[in-house]
PDB file of N, CA and C in Angstrom:
ATOM      1  N   MET A   1       0.797  -1.193  -0.026  1.00  0.00           N
ATOM      2  CA  MET A   1      -0.005   0.030   0.003  1.00  0.00           C
ATOM      3  C   MET A   1       0.903   1.275   0.017  1.00  0.00           C
ATOM      4  N   ARG A   2       1.945   1.231   0.805  1.00  0.00           N
ATOM      5  CA  ARG A   2       2.832   2.383   0.859  1.00  0.00           C
ATOM      6  C   ARG A   2       3.525   2.654  -0.490  1.00  0.00           C
ATOM      7  N   ASN A   3       3.890   1.589  -1.200  1.00  0.00           N
ATOM      8  CA  ASN A   3       4.524   1.721  -2.477  1.00  0.00           C
ATOM      9  C   ASN A   3       3.547   2.307  -3.515  1.00  0.00           C
ATOM     10  N   ARG A   4       2.230   1.991  -3.390  1.00  0.00           N
ATOM     11  CA  ARG A   4       1.265   2.500  -4.345  1.00  0.00           C
ATOM     12  C   ARG A   4       1.097   4.008  -4.118  1.00  0.00           C
ATOM     13  N   HIS A   5       1.146   4.463  -2.847  1.00  0.00           N
ATOM     14  CA  HIS A   5       0.993   5.921  -2.586  1.00  0.00           C
ATOM     15  C   HIS A   5       2.206   6.658  -3.188  1.00  0.00           C
ATOM     16  N   PHE A   6       3.330   6.101  -3.060  1.00  0.00           N
ATOM     17  CA  PHE A   6       4.566   6.716  -3.629  1.00  0.00           C
ATOM     18  C   PHE A   6       4.454   6.847  -5.147  1.00  0.00           C
ATOM     19  N   THR A   7       3.974   5.792  -5.772  1.00  0.00           N
ATOM     20  CA  THR A   7       3.824   5.807  -7.193  1.00  0.00           C
ATOM     21  C   THR A   7       2.858   6.863  -7.684  1.00  0.00           C
ATOM     22  N   VAL A   8       1.721   7.009  -6.989  1.00  0.00           N
ATOM     23  CA  VAL A   8       0.710   8.019  -7.315  1.00  0.00           C
ATOM     24  C   VAL A   8       1.310   9.385  -7.175  1.00  0.00           C
ATOM     25  N   TRP A   9       2.030   9.664  -6.089  1.00  0.00           N
ATOM     26  CA  TRP A   9       2.613  10.980  -5.897  1.00  0.00           C
ATOM     27  C   TRP A   9       3.665  11.271  -6.954  1.00  0.00           C
ATOM     28  N   LEU A  10       4.454  10.265  -7.312  1.00  0.00           N
ATOM     29  CA  LEU A  10       5.475  10.423  -8.337  1.00  0.00           C
ATOM     30  C   LEU A  10       4.839  10.758  -9.669  1.00  0.00           C
ATOM     31  N   LEU A  11       3.790  10.021 -10.039  1.00  0.00           N
ATOM     32  CA  LEU A  11       3.137  10.276 -11.346  1.00  0.00           C
ATOM     33  C   LEU A  11       2.451  11.634 -11.369  1.00  0.00           C
ATOM     34  N   SER A  12       2.008  12.117 -10.236  1.00  0.00           N
ATOM     35  CA  SER A  12       1.317  13.385 -10.212  1.00  0.00           C
ATOM     36  C   SER A  12       2.306  14.559 -10.384  1.00  0.00           C
ATOM     37  N   PHE A  13       3.555  14.349 -10.054  1.00  0.00           N
ATOM     38  CA  PHE A  13       4.572  15.414 -10.144  1.00  0.00           C
ATOM     39  C   PHE A  13       5.258  15.440 -11.505  1.00  0.00           C
ATOM     40  N   ILE A  14       5.181  14.392 -12.302  1.00  0.00           N
ATOM     41  CA  ILE A  14       5.859  14.384 -13.597  1.00  0.00           C
ATOM     42  C   ILE A  14       5.388  15.499 -14.534  1.00  0.00           C
ATOM     43  N   PRO A  15       4.052  15.781 -14.659  1.00  0.00           N
ATOM     44  CA  PRO A  15       3.684  16.886 -15.527  1.00  0.00           C
ATOM     45  C   PRO A  15       4.176  18.255 -15.021  1.00  0.00           C
ATOM     46  N   ILE A  16       4.279  18.442 -13.741  1.00  0.00           N
ATOM     47  CA  ILE A  16       4.804  19.706 -13.215  1.00  0.00           C
ATOM     48  C   ILE A  16       6.292  19.824 -13.559  1.00  0.00           C
ATOM     49  N   ILE A  17       7.042  18.782 -13.418  1.00  0.00           N
ATOM     50  CA  ILE A  17       8.455  18.779 -13.731  1.00  0.00           C
ATOM     51  C   ILE A  17       8.637  19.100 -15.228  1.00  0.00           C
ATOM     52  N   ILE A  18       7.845  18.436 -16.037  1.00  0.00           N
ATOM     53  CA  ILE A  18       7.974  18.681 -17.492  1.00  0.00           C
ATOM     54  C   ILE A  18       7.590  20.134 -17.843  1.00  0.00           C
ATOM     55  N   ALA A  19       6.576  20.686 -17.218  1.00  0.00           N
ATOM     56  CA  ALA A  19       6.202  22.066 -17.418  1.00  0.00           C
ATOM     57  C   ALA A  19       7.358  23.022 -17.102  1.00  0.00           C
ATOM     58  N   PHE A  20       8.030  22.817 -16.022  1.00  0.00           N
ATOM     59  CA  PHE A  20       9.137  23.730 -15.691  1.00  0.00           C
ATOM     60  C   PHE A  20      10.370  23.477 -16.580  1.00  0.00           C
ATOM     61  N   MET A  21      10.490  22.331 -17.220  1.00  0.00           N
ATOM     62  CA  MET A  21      11.578  22.089 -18.080  1.00  0.00           C
ATOM     63  C   MET A  21      11.294  22.771 -19.454  1.00  0.00           C
ATOM     64  N   VAL A  22      10.025  22.857 -19.882  1.00  0.00           N
ATOM     65  CA  VAL A  22       9.690  23.444 -21.131  1.00  0.00           C
ATOM     66  C   VAL A  22       9.561  24.947 -21.057  1.00  0.00           C
ATOM     67  N   LEU A  23       9.303  25.483 -19.890  1.00  0.00           N
ATOM     68  CA  LEU A  23       9.065  26.930 -19.678  1.00  0.00           C
ATOM     69  C   LEU A  23      10.117  27.827 -20.307  1.00  0.00           C
ATOM     70  N   PRO A  24      11.426  27.549 -20.154  1.00  0.00           N
ATOM     71  CA  PRO A  24      12.433  28.441 -20.766  1.00  0.00           C
ATOM     72  C   PRO A  24      12.473  28.345 -22.268  1.00  0.00           C
ATOM     73  N   LEU A  25      11.900  27.331 -22.903  1.00  0.00           N
ATOM     74  CA  LEU A  25      11.887  27.190 -24.319  1.00  0.00           C
ATOM     75  C   LEU A  25      10.764  27.968 -24.986  1.00  0.00           C
ATOM     76  N   LEU A  26       9.768  28.388 -24.246  1.00  0.00           N
ATOM     77  CA  LEU A  26       8.598  29.092 -24.795  1.00  0.00           C
ATOM     78  C   LEU A  26       8.955  30.564 -25.126  1.00  0.00           C
ATOM     79  N   PRO A  27       8.258  31.099 -26.158  1.00  0.00           N
ATOM     80  CA  PRO A  27       8.517  32.545 -26.431  1.00  0.00           C
ATOM     81  C   PRO A  27       7.914  33.419 -25.315  1.00  0.00           C
ATOM     82  N   ASP A  28       8.314  34.683 -25.264  1.00  0.00           N
ATOM     83  CA  ASP A  28       7.858  35.598 -24.228  1.00  0.00           C
ATOM     84  C   ASP A  28       6.340  35.855 -24.342  1.00  0.00           C
ATOM     85  N   ARG A  29       5.841  35.894 -25.582  1.00  0.00           N
ATOM     86  CA  ARG A  29       4.413  36.177 -25.791  1.00  0.00           C
ATOM     87  C   ARG A  29       3.721  34.979 -26.466  1.00  0.00           C
ATOM     88  N   ILE A  30       2.670  34.483 -25.805  1.00  0.00           N
ATOM     89  CA  ILE A  30       1.963  33.271 -26.312  1.00  0.00           C
ATOM     90  C   ILE A  30       0.501  33.648 -26.553  1.00  0.00           C
ATOM     91  N   PRO A  31      -0.089  33.181 -27.658  1.00  0.00           N
ATOM     92  CA  PRO A  31      -1.540  33.429 -27.853  1.00  0.00           C
ATOM     93  C   PRO A  31      -2.353  32.798 -26.690  1.00  0.00           C
ATOM     94  N   ALA A  32      -3.212  33.602 -26.116  1.00  0.00           N
ATOM     95  CA  ALA A  32      -3.973  33.136 -24.987  1.00  0.00           C
ATOM     96  C   ALA A  32      -5.429  32.861 -25.283  1.00  0.00           C
ATOM     97  N   HIS A  33      -5.970  33.528 -26.341  1.00  0.00           N
ATOM     98  CA  HIS A  33      -7.356  33.355 -26.634  1.00  0.00           C
ATOM     99  C   HIS A  33      -7.586  33.554 -28.118  1.00  0.00           C
ATOM    100  N   PHE A  34      -8.492  32.765 -28.696  1.00  0.00           N
ATOM    101  CA  PHE A  34      -8.805  32.839 -30.110  1.00  0.00           C
ATOM    102  C   PHE A  34     -10.302  33.174 -30.278  1.00  0.00           C
ATOM    103  N   ASP A  35     -10.644  33.910 -31.357  1.00  0.00           N
ATOM    104  CA  ASP A  35     -12.053  34.153 -31.659  1.00  0.00           C
ATOM    105  C   ASP A  35     -12.614  33.022 -32.501  1.00  0.00           C
ATOM    106  N   PHE A  36     -13.850  33.124 -32.944  1.00  0.00           N
ATOM    107  CA  PHE A  36     -14.481  32.036 -33.716  1.00  0.00           C
ATOM    108  C   PHE A  36     -13.860  31.830 -35.104  1.00  0.00           C
ATOM    109  N   GLY A  37     -13.223  32.896 -35.571  1.00  0.00           N
ATOM    110  CA  GLY A  37     -12.516  32.788 -36.853  1.00  0.00           C
ATOM    111  C   GLY A  37     -11.137  32.205 -36.810  1.00  0.00           C
ATOM    112  N   GLY A  38     -10.683  31.924 -35.600  1.00  0.00           N
ATOM    113  CA  GLY A  38      -9.347  31.333 -35.385  1.00  0.00           C
ATOM    114  C   GLY A  38      -8.242  32.372 -35.249  1.00  0.00           C
ATOM    115  N   ASP A  39      -8.601  33.699 -35.172  1.00  0.00           N
ATOM    116  CA  ASP A  39      -7.655  34.759 -35.011  1.00  0.00           C
ATOM    117  C   ASP A  39      -7.352  34.964 -33.530  1.00  0.00           C
ATOM    118  N   VAL A  40      -6.116  35.292 -33.272  1.00  0.00           N
ATOM    119  CA  VAL A  40      -5.731  35.591 -31.839  1.00  0.00           C
ATOM    120  C   VAL A  40      -6.294  36.927 -31.465  1.00  0.00           C
ATOM    121  N   ASP A  41      -7.020  36.974 -30.335  1.00  0.00           N
ATOM    122  CA  ASP A  41      -7.533  38.248 -29.886  1.00  0.00           C
ATOM    123  C   ASP A  41      -6.951  38.633 -28.455  1.00  0.00           C
ATOM    124  N   ARG A  42      -6.107  37.802 -27.908  1.00  0.00           N
ATOM    125  CA  ARG A  42      -5.458  38.149 -26.697  1.00  0.00           C
ATOM    126  C   ARG A  42      -4.135  37.347 -26.617  1.00  0.00           C
ATOM    127  N   TYR A  43      -3.087  38.042 -26.175  1.00  0.00           N
ATOM    128  CA  TYR A  43      -1.770  37.392 -25.909  1.00  0.00           C
ATOM    129  C   TYR A  43      -1.468  37.450 -24.447  1.00  0.00           C
ATOM    130  N   GLY A  44      -0.679  36.526 -23.973  1.00  0.00           N
ATOM    131  CA  GLY A  44      -0.256  36.484 -22.605  1.00  0.00           C
ATOM    132  C   GLY A  44       1.188  36.073 -22.489  1.00  0.00           C
ATOM    133  N   SER A  45       1.739  36.170 -21.342  1.00  0.00           N
ATOM    134  CA  SER A  45       3.133  35.800 -21.129  1.00  0.00           C
ATOM    135  C   SER A  45       3.195  34.285 -20.937  1.00  0.00           C
ATOM    136  N   ARG A  46       4.409  33.747 -21.018  1.00  0.00           N
ATOM    137  CA  ARG A  46       4.537  32.289 -20.807  1.00  0.00           C
ATOM    138  C   ARG A  46       4.168  31.891 -19.408  1.00  0.00           C
ATOM    139  N   LEU A  47       4.312  32.774 -18.497  1.00  0.00           N
ATOM    140  CA  LEU A  47       3.893  32.415 -17.134  1.00  0.00           C
ATOM    141  C   LEU A  47       2.387  32.362 -16.963  1.00  0.00           C
ATOM    142  N   LEU A  48       1.682  33.177 -17.725  1.00  0.00           N
ATOM    143  CA  LEU A  48       0.254  33.164 -17.693  1.00  0.00           C
ATOM    144  C   LEU A  48      -0.284  31.838 -18.166  1.00  0.00           C
ATOM    145  N   LYS A  49       0.331  31.294 -19.283  1.00  0.00           N
ATOM    146  CA  LYS A  49      -0.139  30.033 -19.764  1.00  0.00           C
ATOM    147  C   LYS A  49       0.175  28.897 -18.801  1.00  0.00           C
ATOM    148  N   GLN A  50       1.265  29.023 -18.061  1.00  0.00           N
ATOM    149  CA  GLN A  50       1.543  27.977 -17.089  1.00  0.00           C
ATOM    150  C   GLN A  50       0.504  27.995 -15.952  1.00  0.00           C
ATOM    151  N   ASP A  51       0.079  29.222 -15.526  1.00  0.00           N
ATOM    152  CA  ASP A  51      -0.940  29.261 -14.495  1.00  0.00           C
ATOM    153  C   ASP A  51      -2.242  28.671 -14.953  1.00  0.00           C
ATOM    154  N   GLU A  52      -2.563  28.775 -16.282  1.00  0.00           N
ATOM    155  CA  GLU A  52      -3.755  28.240 -16.767  1.00  0.00           C
ATOM    156  C   GLU A  52      -3.684  26.751 -17.125  1.00  0.00           C
ATOM    157  N   GLY A  53      -2.424  26.188 -17.012  1.00  0.00           N
ATOM    158  CA  GLY A  53      -2.242  24.803 -17.346  1.00  0.00           C
ATOM    159  C   GLY A  53      -2.070  24.534 -18.841  1.00  0.00           C
ATOM    160  N   GLY A  54      -1.860  25.595 -19.587  1.00  0.00           N
ATOM    161  CA  GLY A  54      -1.716  25.493 -21.026  1.00  0.00           C
ATOM    162  C   GLY A  54      -0.524  24.634 -21.499  1.00  0.00           C
ATOM    163  N   ILE A  55       0.487  24.631 -20.737  1.00  0.00           N
ATOM    164  CA  ILE A  55       1.641  23.834 -21.118  1.00  0.00           C
ATOM    165  C   ILE A  55       1.314  22.344 -21.109  1.00  0.00           C
ATOM    166  N   ILE A  56       0.586  21.984 -20.099  1.00  0.00           N
ATOM    167  CA  ILE A  56       0.296  20.521 -19.905  1.00  0.00           C
ATOM    168  C   ILE A  56      -0.854  20.084 -20.828  1.00  0.00           C
ATOM    169  N   GLN A  57      -1.804  20.928 -21.104  1.00  0.00           N
ATOM    170  CA  GLN A  57      -2.889  20.528 -21.930  1.00  0.00           C
ATOM    171  C   GLN A  57      -2.444  20.363 -23.296  1.00  0.00           C
TER     172      GLN A  57
END
């Protein structure tokens, strides 16, 4: 049972670790919202996308 809890915790932290590894590779300005035509109508910083979970999605 203890080993199973460790595995679950480890698997839950892998996406967070990957997000922090990819963060320096992202551009400073990232499209944050698109209109119905597919055009960008709002930009955000790379940190904004991380807060929204955009890196992982």
